[in-house]
């Protein structure tokens, strides 16, 4: 029972342990602090270093030394509160600000600022994130073996891509010794870094997709569906630069003051900008995950153990013959059947699937059947399904037909559709409880790109609850992060 609980909540328990360890360690070593000022050295003419009388808290200077490069001042906490350290120097005098906590820990510049031992905590956080990243990678490959068409594959890939960038931002915080406050800021700005890093790729892709859409419009006509690629690129491009426009508007607005360093307006601006960056970065990661998953599923060759192959129907020509798109699906199914027959000598039954549309003279299933016969496939090896009107019905009705034909539930199914549609079709099959493998047929590049964008948007809509939940989580994380920075820099300090 205990092991099951630990296994289920392992990362939550580990996060708590990291936080507790970090707090205990910082408390144990953080009562002393070595302040380093790099612009002063032994030749700067330093006359004294002292704690100002205006300090609310108390700290003791236990010693200081100036080398050829740095001035190092050693402090020890005495009582809680803000402490001002003055450095008297003819060339470059200055004041450093510290905070002595109730537990004796000294932090520099703000309440959650750099302290002795904070680097150890950030290192533990980075190590925790690396363990989490490895776990995501293991889960992804395990799930992919079990369910090639699960949408979780896209989510895992997207999270893996962003986790790599997020860990990089925390390593930067560790190297620059910015303390816990700096780690908060780096975590929130990691989305901005990711979006700006991928912005050139987004712009290049938008141009490429726009050119592809122009070709599509010339061949297929002007419809909103044929402009989805350029619209998506435009949305991501606007999302990437929108925070900068909002920041510029707020900078010149009289309704809210974002100029005061410790004012609420500055932190509201920080929250708003980073929330937009986070959601855009999330959508980009999901897009990258969808692209990688879509390519893998489209290029996948099913195992050669299939008893049936379902051919998904689509729009017919006015004379009832197959369009090039549908012909490509049928040809790909025939090719797979030949590959299986040559490899293992195992025959396969074709299940052309699709009902009759209002503007079609025969059903799609019947049209595909006629084409298969024309390609030399015996009619005895064809089991047409002629009632379905959607992909979900393709699978459901075809499966019912196969069960009745086969007389049992023990059979293996492949399905064939156009390459851009393989992943979403597989998703729908698995939601029906069907274990199938898909194979993709080729189509024209200008059509494929726009159709793939359409599939991406369709999967986003299909899994809208997941994406709404993730967006809410991102908003909450940025809200908490902004509040912690506000508390650290403005309220408690």
Protein backbone atom coordinates (compact mmCIF):
# COMPACT_ATOMS: atom_id res chain seq x y z
CA UNK A 1 0.00 0.00 0.00
CA UNK A 2 2.80 2.41 0.97
CA UNK A 3 4.85 1.52 -2.12
CA UNK A 4 1.83 2.09 -4.35
CA UNK A 5 1.31 5.53 -2.79
CA UNK A 6 5.00 6.43 -3.21
CA UNK A 7 4.99 5.25 -6.83
CA UNK A 8 1.84 7.23 -7.64
CA UNK A 9 3.04 10.46 -6.03
CA UNK A 10 6.78 9.99 -6.50
CA UNK A 11 7.52 13.34 -8.13
CA UNK A 12 5.32 15.26 -5.68
CA UNK A 13 7.07 13.57 -2.75
CA UNK A 14 10.46 14.20 -4.36
CA UNK A 15 9.60 17.89 -4.87
CA UNK A 16 8.67 18.22 -1.19
CA UNK A 17 11.91 16.49 -0.15
CA UNK A 18 13.96 18.82 -2.38
CA UNK A 19 12.22 21.87 -0.87
CA UNK A 20 12.71 20.62 2.71
CA UNK A 21 16.35 19.70 2.08
CA UNK A 22 17.01 23.08 0.47
CA UNK A 23 15.41 24.96 3.38
CA UNK A 24 17.29 22.96 6.02
CA UNK A 25 20.60 23.30 4.18
CA UNK A 26 20.27 27.05 3.57
CA UNK A 27 19.24 27.56 7.22
CA UNK A 28 22.28 25.57 8.39
CA UNK A 29 24.86 27.48 6.32
CA UNK A 30 23.12 30.75 5.43
CA UNK A 31 23.86 32.75 8.58
CA UNK A 32 27.11 33.88 6.95
CA UNK A 33 27.58 35.48 3.55
CA UNK A 34 30.53 36.52 1.42
CA UNK A 35 29.66 39.66 -0.48
CA UNK A 36 31.81 40.09 -3.60
CA UNK A 37 32.17 43.40 -5.41
CA UNK A 38 34.10 43.00 -8.65
CA UNK A 39 34.68 46.66 -9.55
CA UNK A 40 36.87 47.32 -6.50
CA UNK A 41 40.32 45.93 -5.66
CA UNK A 42 43.28 46.59 -3.38
CA UNK A 43 44.30 49.66 -5.40
CA UNK A 44 40.90 51.41 -5.12
CA UNK A 45 41.76 53.29 -1.92
CA UNK A 46 39.05 51.72 0.28
CA UNK A 47 38.96 53.57 3.61
CA UNK A 48 36.26 51.55 5.41
CA UNK A 49 33.34 49.13 5.16
CA UNK A 50 30.53 49.46 7.69
CA UNK A 51 26.93 48.66 8.54
CA UNK A 52 24.80 51.84 8.38
CA UNK A 53 22.93 53.00 11.44
CA UNK A 54 19.75 53.20 9.33
CA UNK A 55 19.65 49.41 9.12
CA UNK A 56 16.60 47.77 10.71
CA UNK A 57 18.33 44.41 11.03
CA UNK A 58 21.79 43.74 12.26
CA UNK A 59 24.75 41.96 10.72
CA UNK A 60 28.35 41.77 11.78
CA UNK A 61 31.29 42.32 9.46
CA UNK A 62 33.67 39.53 10.37
CA UNK A 63 36.35 40.61 7.92
CA UNK A 64 37.09 41.96 4.48
CA UNK A 65 39.85 41.71 1.94
CA UNK A 66 40.67 43.26 -1.41
CA UNK A 67 42.61 41.32 -4.00
CA UNK A 68 43.75 42.48 -7.42
CA UNK A 69 40.31 41.70 -8.83
CA UNK A 70 37.63 41.72 -6.10
CA UNK A 71 36.57 43.15 -2.82
CA UNK A 72 35.22 40.41 -0.50
CA UNK A 73 33.29 41.31 2.66
CA UNK A 74 32.29 38.59 5.13
CA UNK A 75 29.01 39.07 6.99
CA UNK A 76 27.34 37.23 9.86
CA UNK A 77 23.68 37.64 10.81
CA UNK A 78 22.73 39.09 14.20
CA UNK A 79 19.06 40.09 14.12
CA UNK A 80 16.33 40.10 11.39
CA UNK A 81 15.59 43.02 9.12
CA UNK A 82 17.06 45.06 6.27
CA UNK A 83 20.78 45.78 6.44
CA UNK A 84 22.70 48.50 4.55
CA UNK A 85 26.40 47.92 3.94
CA UNK A 86 28.40 51.04 3.04
CA UNK A 87 31.71 50.94 1.23
CA UNK A 88 33.75 54.12 1.59
CA UNK A 89 36.04 54.63 -1.38
CA UNK A 90 37.11 57.87 -3.08
CA UNK A 91 36.82 56.41 -6.56
CA UNK A 92 33.58 54.43 -6.39
CA UNK A 93 31.70 54.39 -3.06
CA UNK A 94 28.55 52.33 -2.81
CA UNK A 95 25.85 50.68 -0.73
CA UNK A 96 24.84 47.00 -0.80
CA UNK A 97 21.48 45.89 0.61
CA UNK A 98 20.88 42.63 2.47
CA UNK A 99 18.06 41.03 4.42
CA UNK A 100 18.51 38.99 7.58
CA UNK A 101 15.67 36.46 7.95
CA UNK A 102 14.16 35.22 11.21
CA UNK A 103 16.07 31.93 10.80
CA UNK A 104 19.33 33.87 10.48
CA UNK A 105 19.78 33.47 6.73
CA UNK A 106 21.29 36.47 4.91
CA UNK A 107 20.03 37.23 1.38
CA UNK A 108 21.35 39.88 -1.00
CA UNK A 109 19.30 42.49 -2.90
CA UNK A 110 15.83 41.10 -2.00
CA UNK A 111 13.91 38.78 0.30
CA UNK A 112 14.49 35.62 -1.80
CA UNK A 113 17.82 36.83 -3.14
CA UNK A 114 21.16 35.09 -3.35
CA UNK A 115 22.34 33.45 -0.13
CA UNK A 116 24.97 31.00 0.96
CA UNK A 117 23.58 27.58 0.02
CA UNK A 118 20.97 28.82 -2.49
CA UNK A 119 23.08 27.43 -5.34
CA UNK A 120 22.80 23.98 -3.76
CA UNK A 121 19.00 24.28 -3.72
CA UNK A 122 18.92 25.38 -7.38
CA UNK A 123 21.27 22.50 -8.25
CA UNK A 124 18.83 20.09 -6.55
CA UNK A 125 15.98 21.65 -8.54
CA UNK A 126 17.93 21.17 -11.79
CA UNK A 127 18.65 17.56 -10.80
CA UNK A 128 14.93 17.08 -10.02
CA UNK A 129 14.01 18.49 -13.44
CA UNK A 130 16.53 16.19 -15.14
CA UNK A 131 14.96 13.19 -13.38
CA UNK A 132 11.54 14.44 -14.48
CA UNK A 133 12.83 14.82 -18.06
CA UNK A 134 14.22 11.27 -18.10
CA UNK A 135 10.89 10.02 -16.73
CA UNK A 136 9.01 11.84 -19.51
CA UNK A 137 11.29 10.30 -22.14
CA UNK A 138 10.84 6.80 -20.68
CA UNK A 139 7.07 7.26 -20.47
CA UNK A 140 6.96 8.53 -24.04
CA UNK A 141 8.75 5.49 -25.47
CA UNK A 142 6.78 3.09 -23.26
CA UNK A 143 3.47 4.63 -24.32
CA UNK A 144 4.52 4.70 -27.96
CA UNK A 145 5.08 0.93 -27.87
CA UNK A 146 1.71 0.34 -26.22
CA UNK A 147 -0.37 2.96 -28.07
CA UNK A 148 1.20 4.51 -31.14
CA UNK A 149 -1.76 6.86 -31.63
CA UNK A 150 -2.29 8.26 -28.14
CA UNK A 151 -2.47 12.04 -27.94
CA UNK A 152 -0.32 11.75 -24.83
CA UNK A 153 2.55 11.07 -27.24
CA UNK A 154 2.15 14.62 -28.54
CA UNK A 155 1.90 16.04 -25.01
CA UNK A 156 4.98 14.12 -23.83
CA UNK A 157 7.01 15.24 -26.84
CA UNK A 158 5.92 18.86 -26.35
CA UNK A 159 6.79 18.72 -22.64
CA UNK A 160 10.16 17.11 -23.38
CA UNK A 161 11.02 19.87 -25.87
CA UNK A 162 10.08 22.64 -23.43
CA UNK A 163 11.65 20.87 -20.41
CA UNK A 164 15.04 20.90 -22.17
CA UNK A 165 14.79 24.66 -22.65
CA UNK A 166 13.46 25.20 -19.10
CA UNK A 167 16.33 23.20 -17.56
CA UNK A 168 18.77 25.27 -19.61
CA UNK A 169 17.31 28.46 -18.09
CA UNK A 170 17.74 27.07 -14.56
CA UNK A 171 21.35 26.08 -15.28
CA UNK A 172 21.93 29.70 -16.35
CA UNK A 173 20.49 30.84 -13.02
CA UNK A 174 22.81 28.40 -11.24
CA UNK A 175 25.89 29.62 -13.14
CA UNK A 176 25.13 33.31 -12.56
CA UNK A 177 24.33 32.78 -8.84
CA UNK A 178 21.14 34.84 -8.94
CA UNK A 179 19.60 33.13 -5.94
CA UNK A 180 16.06 31.83 -5.53
CA UNK A 181 14.60 35.13 -6.74
CA UNK A 182 16.69 34.89 -9.90
CA UNK A 183 15.58 31.26 -10.39
CA UNK A 184 11.94 32.42 -10.20
CA UNK A 185 12.60 35.09 -12.80
CA UNK A 186 14.52 32.70 -15.08
CA UNK A 187 11.70 30.16 -14.82
CA UNK A 188 9.09 32.73 -15.84
CA UNK A 189 11.21 34.19 -18.65
CA UNK A 190 12.12 30.75 -20.06
CA UNK A 191 8.94 30.85 -22.18
CA UNK A 192 9.99 34.19 -23.61
CA UNK A 193 13.42 32.78 -24.39
CA UNK A 194 11.87 29.77 -26.11
CA UNK A 195 9.51 31.90 -28.22
CA UNK A 196 12.27 34.30 -29.27
CA UNK A 197 14.58 31.35 -30.02
CA UNK A 198 11.98 29.77 -32.30
CA UNK A 199 10.76 33.07 -33.81
CA UNK A 200 13.05 32.88 -36.89
CA UNK A 201 11.82 29.34 -37.52
CA UNK A 202 8.20 30.47 -37.15
CA UNK A 203 8.76 33.36 -39.59
CA UNK A 204 10.49 31.12 -42.16
CA UNK A 205 7.76 28.49 -41.77
CA UNK A 206 5.04 31.14 -42.16
CA UNK A 207 6.58 32.31 -45.44
CA UNK A 208 6.98 28.72 -46.65
CA UNK A 209 3.42 27.78 -45.70
CA UNK A 210 2.04 30.99 -47.25
CA UNK A 211 3.71 30.14 -50.58
CA UNK A 212 2.29 26.63 -50.29
CA UNK A 213 -1.18 28.01 -49.55
CA UNK A 214 -1.01 30.30 -52.59
CA UNK A 215 -0.33 27.24 -54.76
CA UNK A 216 -3.20 25.42 -53.06
CA UNK A 217 -5.59 28.33 -53.62
CA UNK A 218 -4.62 28.49 -57.31
CA UNK A 219 -5.37 24.78 -57.73
CA UNK A 220 -8.28 24.31 -55.32
CA UNK A 221 -9.88 27.76 -55.02
CA UNK A 222 -10.16 30.37 -52.27
CA UNK A 223 -11.64 28.96 -49.05
CA UNK A 224 -10.80 29.56 -45.38
CA UNK A 225 -9.70 25.91 -45.12
CA UNK A 226 -7.10 26.50 -47.83
CA UNK A 227 -5.63 29.40 -45.85
CA UNK A 228 -5.26 27.61 -42.49
CA UNK A 229 -1.48 27.26 -42.82
CA UNK A 230 -0.81 30.96 -43.26
CA UNK A 231 -3.39 31.82 -40.58
CA UNK A 232 -1.67 29.55 -38.05
CA UNK A 233 1.74 31.03 -38.87
CA UNK A 234 0.26 34.51 -38.54
CA UNK A 235 -1.29 33.69 -35.14
CA UNK A 236 1.98 32.28 -33.77
CA UNK A 237 3.95 35.20 -35.22
CA UNK A 238 1.58 37.76 -33.65
CA UNK A 239 1.64 35.83 -30.36
CA UNK A 240 5.44 35.99 -30.32
CA UNK A 241 5.55 39.80 -30.64
CA UNK A 242 2.27 40.68 -28.88
CA UNK A 243 3.85 40.97 -25.38
CA UNK A 244 6.26 43.62 -26.71
CA UNK A 245 3.34 45.67 -28.09
CA UNK A 246 1.48 45.29 -24.79
CA UNK A 247 4.61 46.37 -22.91
CA UNK A 248 4.94 49.43 -25.13
CA UNK A 249 1.27 50.33 -24.59
CA UNK A 250 1.63 49.96 -20.80
CA UNK A 251 4.83 52.02 -20.81
CA UNK A 252 2.88 54.94 -22.34
CA UNK A 253 -0.38 54.38 -20.48
CA UNK A 254 -1.70 56.73 -17.80
CA UNK A 255 -4.04 54.08 -16.38
CA UNK A 256 -1.33 51.95 -14.79
CA UNK A 257 2.18 52.87 -13.64
CA UNK A 258 4.74 50.27 -14.73
CA UNK A 259 7.78 52.50 -14.20
CA UNK A 260 8.03 52.28 -10.42
CA UNK A 261 10.51 49.46 -9.77
CA UNK A 262 8.64 48.07 -6.76
CA UNK A 263 5.12 49.01 -7.86
CA UNK A 264 2.26 46.59 -8.60
CA UNK A 265 2.05 47.82 -12.21
CA UNK A 266 5.49 46.44 -13.03
CA UNK A 267 4.58 42.99 -11.74
CA UNK A 268 1.22 43.06 -13.53
CA UNK A 269 3.09 43.78 -16.77
CA UNK A 270 5.50 40.93 -15.96
CA UNK A 271 2.57 38.55 -15.35
CA UNK A 272 0.73 39.55 -18.51
CA UNK A 273 3.73 39.34 -20.84
CA UNK A 274 5.04 36.04 -19.47
CA UNK A 275 1.57 34.45 -19.52
CA UNK A 276 1.23 35.22 -23.24
CA UNK A 277 4.74 33.94 -23.90
CA UNK A 278 3.97 30.75 -21.93
CA UNK A 279 0.80 29.97 -23.88
CA UNK A 280 2.50 30.69 -27.23
CA UNK A 281 5.47 28.50 -26.21
CA UNK A 282 3.06 25.74 -25.18
CA UNK A 283 1.24 25.88 -28.54
CA UNK A 284 4.57 25.83 -30.38
CA UNK A 285 5.72 22.79 -28.38
CA UNK A 286 2.43 21.02 -29.12
CA UNK A 287 2.85 21.92 -32.80
CA UNK A 288 6.39 20.49 -32.80
CA UNK A 289 5.14 17.40 -30.97
CA UNK A 290 2.32 17.01 -33.49
CA UNK A 291 4.70 17.38 -36.44
CA UNK A 292 7.15 14.79 -35.08
CA UNK A 293 4.36 12.37 -34.13
CA UNK A 294 2.57 12.92 -37.45
CA UNK A 295 5.73 12.21 -39.43
CA UNK A 296 6.47 9.06 -37.43
CA UNK A 297 2.95 7.68 -37.82
CA UNK A 298 2.77 8.61 -41.52
CA UNK A 299 6.06 6.83 -42.25
CA UNK A 300 5.24 3.82 -40.09
CA UNK A 301 4.92 0.43 -41.78
CA UNK A 302 2.53 -1.91 -39.91
CA UNK A 303 3.62 -5.38 -38.88
CA UNK A 304 3.01 -8.01 -41.57
CA UNK A 305 0.41 -9.93 -39.56
CA UNK A 306 -2.77 -8.26 -40.77
CA UNK A 307 -5.99 -10.01 -41.72
CA UNK A 308 -7.84 -6.90 -42.92
CA UNK A 309 -6.95 -3.43 -44.19
CA UNK A 310 -9.53 -0.63 -44.01
CA UNK A 311 -9.30 1.97 -46.78
CA UNK A 312 -10.80 5.28 -45.67
CA UNK A 313 -13.02 6.90 -48.25
CA UNK A 314 -13.20 10.57 -49.28
CA UNK A 315 -14.90 12.69 -51.93
CA UNK A 316 -15.45 11.01 -55.32
CA UNK A 317 -15.44 12.58 -58.75
CA UNK A 318 -18.80 13.47 -60.31
CA UNK A 319 -18.71 10.31 -62.44
CA UNK A 320 -18.20 8.08 -59.38
CA UNK A 321 -14.51 7.38 -60.00
CA UNK A 322 -11.73 7.93 -57.50
CA UNK A 323 -10.03 11.27 -57.07
CA UNK A 324 -6.19 11.24 -57.09
CA UNK A 325 -6.27 11.50 -53.28
CA UNK A 326 -8.52 8.46 -52.86
CA UNK A 327 -6.71 6.53 -55.60
CA UNK A 328 -3.46 7.10 -53.69
CA UNK A 329 -5.01 5.51 -50.58
CA UNK A 330 -6.20 2.46 -52.51
CA UNK A 331 -2.82 2.05 -54.25
CA UNK A 332 -1.00 2.27 -50.92
CA UNK A 333 -3.27 -0.43 -49.44
CA UNK A 334 -2.57 -2.69 -52.45
CA UNK A 335 1.16 -2.03 -52.04
CA UNK A 336 1.06 -3.04 -48.37
CA UNK A 337 -0.93 -6.20 -49.19
CA UNK A 338 1.72 -7.18 -51.75
CA UNK A 339 4.51 -6.48 -49.26
CA UNK A 340 2.86 -8.74 -46.68
CA UNK A 341 2.14 -11.46 -49.26
CA UNK A 342 5.74 -11.42 -50.52
CA UNK A 343 7.19 -11.38 -47.01
CA UNK A 344 5.05 -14.01 -45.27
CA UNK A 345 2.70 -15.34 -47.95
CA UNK A 346 -0.21 -14.08 -45.86
CA UNK A 347 -3.28 -12.76 -47.78
CA UNK A 348 -5.28 -9.77 -46.63
CA UNK A 349 -8.93 -8.77 -47.05
CA UNK A 350 -9.58 -5.20 -48.25
CA UNK A 351 -12.33 -3.23 -46.48
CA UNK A 352 -13.08 -0.11 -48.59
CA UNK A 353 -15.09 2.18 -46.33
CA UNK A 354 -17.33 5.16 -47.02
CA UNK A 355 -20.98 5.96 -47.60
CA UNK A 356 -22.71 7.88 -50.37
CA UNK A 357 -22.61 11.67 -50.11
CA UNK A 358 -25.47 13.87 -51.25
CA UNK A 359 -23.45 14.90 -54.31
CA UNK A 360 -22.11 11.40 -55.12
CA UNK A 361 -23.70 8.89 -57.48
CA UNK A 362 -22.42 5.80 -55.59
CA UNK A 363 -20.95 5.11 -52.18
CA UNK A 364 -17.23 5.64 -51.65
CA UNK A 365 -16.86 2.04 -50.47
CA UNK A 366 -18.40 0.73 -53.69
CA UNK A 367 -16.24 3.03 -55.83
CA UNK A 368 -13.06 1.85 -54.10
CA UNK A 369 -14.21 -1.77 -54.54
CA UNK A 370 -14.59 -1.26 -58.29
CA UNK A 371 -11.13 0.28 -58.47
CA UNK A 372 -9.59 -2.64 -56.52
CA UNK A 373 -11.19 -5.14 -58.89
CA UNK A 374 -9.81 -3.15 -61.80
CA UNK A 375 -6.35 -3.51 -60.25
CA UNK A 376 -6.63 -7.29 -60.18
CA UNK A 377 -7.88 -7.82 -56.61
CA UNK A 378 -10.37 -10.76 -56.48
CA UNK A 379 -13.88 -9.73 -55.41
CA UNK A 380 -13.75 -12.49 -52.76
CA UNK A 381 -10.97 -10.54 -51.01
CA UNK A 382 -12.98 -7.31 -50.82
CA UNK A 383 -15.47 -6.52 -48.03
CA UNK A 384 -17.01 -3.09 -48.75
CA UNK A 385 -18.52 -0.91 -46.02
CA UNK A 386 -20.94 1.60 -47.60
CA UNK A 387 -22.75 3.41 -44.76
CA UNK A 388 -20.18 5.52 -42.89
CA UNK A 389 -19.96 9.30 -43.20
CA UNK A 390 -17.12 10.09 -40.76
CA UNK A 391 -13.73 8.60 -39.85
CA UNK A 392 -15.17 7.37 -36.56
CA UNK A 393 -17.97 5.59 -38.43
CA UNK A 394 -15.42 4.18 -40.91
CA UNK A 395 -13.81 2.30 -38.05
CA UNK A 396 -16.96 1.41 -36.15
CA UNK A 397 -18.99 0.10 -39.10
CA UNK A 398 -15.98 -1.61 -40.71
CA UNK A 399 -15.16 -3.34 -37.42
CA UNK A 400 -18.73 -4.60 -37.06
CA UNK A 401 -18.60 -5.91 -40.62
CA UNK A 402 -15.25 -7.62 -40.02
CA UNK A 403 -16.47 -9.32 -36.84
CA UNK A 404 -19.48 -10.68 -38.65
CA UNK A 405 -17.35 -11.82 -41.61
CA UNK A 406 -14.58 -13.36 -39.52
CA UNK A 407 -16.84 -14.93 -36.91
CA UNK A 408 -14.60 -14.02 -33.96
CA UNK A 409 -12.80 -11.13 -32.28
CA UNK A 410 -9.31 -12.44 -33.00
CA UNK A 411 -8.03 -10.62 -36.06
CA UNK A 412 -5.48 -7.92 -36.87
CA UNK A 413 -6.43 -4.72 -38.68
CA UNK A 414 -4.46 -2.13 -40.62
CA UNK A 415 -5.95 1.02 -42.05
CA UNK A 416 -4.89 3.24 -44.92
CA UNK A 417 -5.48 6.95 -45.25
CA UNK A 418 -3.55 9.98 -46.50
CA UNK A 419 -0.28 10.62 -44.62
CA UNK A 420 -1.45 13.79 -42.85
CA UNK A 421 -4.54 12.00 -41.52
CA UNK A 422 -2.93 8.82 -40.09
CA UNK A 423 -2.35 10.04 -36.54
CA UNK A 424 -5.80 11.53 -35.91
CA UNK A 425 -7.44 8.47 -37.49
CA UNK A 426 -5.44 6.23 -35.17
CA UNK A 427 -6.54 8.38 -32.22
CA UNK A 428 -10.19 7.84 -33.10
CA UNK A 429 -9.69 4.09 -33.54
CA UNK A 430 -8.13 3.73 -30.10
CA UNK A 431 -10.93 5.77 -28.53
CA UNK A 432 -13.25 3.07 -29.90
CA UNK A 433 -11.08 0.44 -28.24
CA UNK A 434 -9.64 -0.85 -31.54
CA UNK A 435 -5.99 -1.83 -31.74
CA UNK A 436 -5.00 -0.97 -35.29
CA UNK A 437 -1.96 0.16 -37.23
CA UNK A 438 -2.07 2.79 -39.95
CA UNK A 439 -0.21 3.37 -43.16
CA UNK A 440 -0.10 6.69 -45.01
CA UNK A 441 -0.40 7.45 -48.71
CA UNK A 442 1.37 10.38 -50.33
CA UNK A 443 -0.21 13.55 -51.63
CA UNK A 444 0.97 16.77 -53.23
CA UNK A 445 3.30 18.79 -50.97
CA UNK A 446 1.27 22.02 -51.17
CA UNK A 447 -1.84 20.12 -50.16
CA UNK A 448 -0.11 18.05 -47.47
CA UNK A 449 1.20 21.09 -45.58
CA UNK A 450 -2.17 22.81 -45.29
CA UNK A 451 -3.95 19.54 -44.53
CA UNK A 452 -1.47 18.80 -41.77
CA UNK A 453 -2.15 22.20 -40.20
CA UNK A 454 -5.86 21.36 -40.41
CA UNK A 455 -5.17 18.08 -38.59
CA UNK A 456 -3.18 19.96 -35.92
CA UNK A 457 -6.06 22.37 -35.33
CA UNK A 458 -8.54 19.47 -35.33
CA UNK A 459 -6.56 17.59 -32.66
CA UNK A 460 -6.31 20.79 -30.62
CA UNK A 461 -10.12 21.08 -30.76
CA UNK A 462 -10.58 17.36 -30.05
CA UNK A 463 -8.41 17.63 -26.94
CA UNK A 464 -9.61 21.12 -26.00
CA UNK A 465 -10.18 20.19 -22.34
CA UNK A 466 -6.55 19.17 -21.98
CA UNK A 467 -5.35 22.40 -23.58
CA UNK A 468 -7.71 24.59 -21.56
CA UNK A 469 -6.47 22.88 -18.39
CA UNK A 470 -2.81 23.33 -19.40
CA UNK A 471 -3.44 26.99 -20.24
CA UNK A 472 -5.07 27.49 -16.83
CA UNK A 473 -2.06 25.85 -15.16
CA UNK A 474 0.32 28.16 -17.07
CA UNK A 475 -1.72 31.21 -16.03
CA UNK A 476 -1.66 30.03 -12.40
CA UNK A 477 2.11 29.37 -12.48
CA UNK A 478 2.81 32.84 -13.87
CA UNK A 479 0.46 34.40 -11.34
CA UNK A 480 2.21 32.64 -8.45
CA UNK A 481 5.63 33.51 -9.88
CA UNK A 482 4.72 37.19 -10.26
CA UNK A 483 3.30 37.29 -6.73
CA UNK A 484 6.44 35.67 -5.29
CA UNK A 485 8.64 38.21 -7.08
CA UNK A 486 6.39 41.03 -5.87
CA UNK A 487 6.54 39.73 -2.30
CA UNK A 488 10.30 39.24 -2.48
CA UNK A 489 11.19 42.56 -4.07
CA UNK A 490 8.46 44.95 -2.92
CA UNK A 491 6.44 43.72 0.07
CA UNK A 492 8.83 41.92 2.41
CA UNK A 493 12.02 43.68 1.37
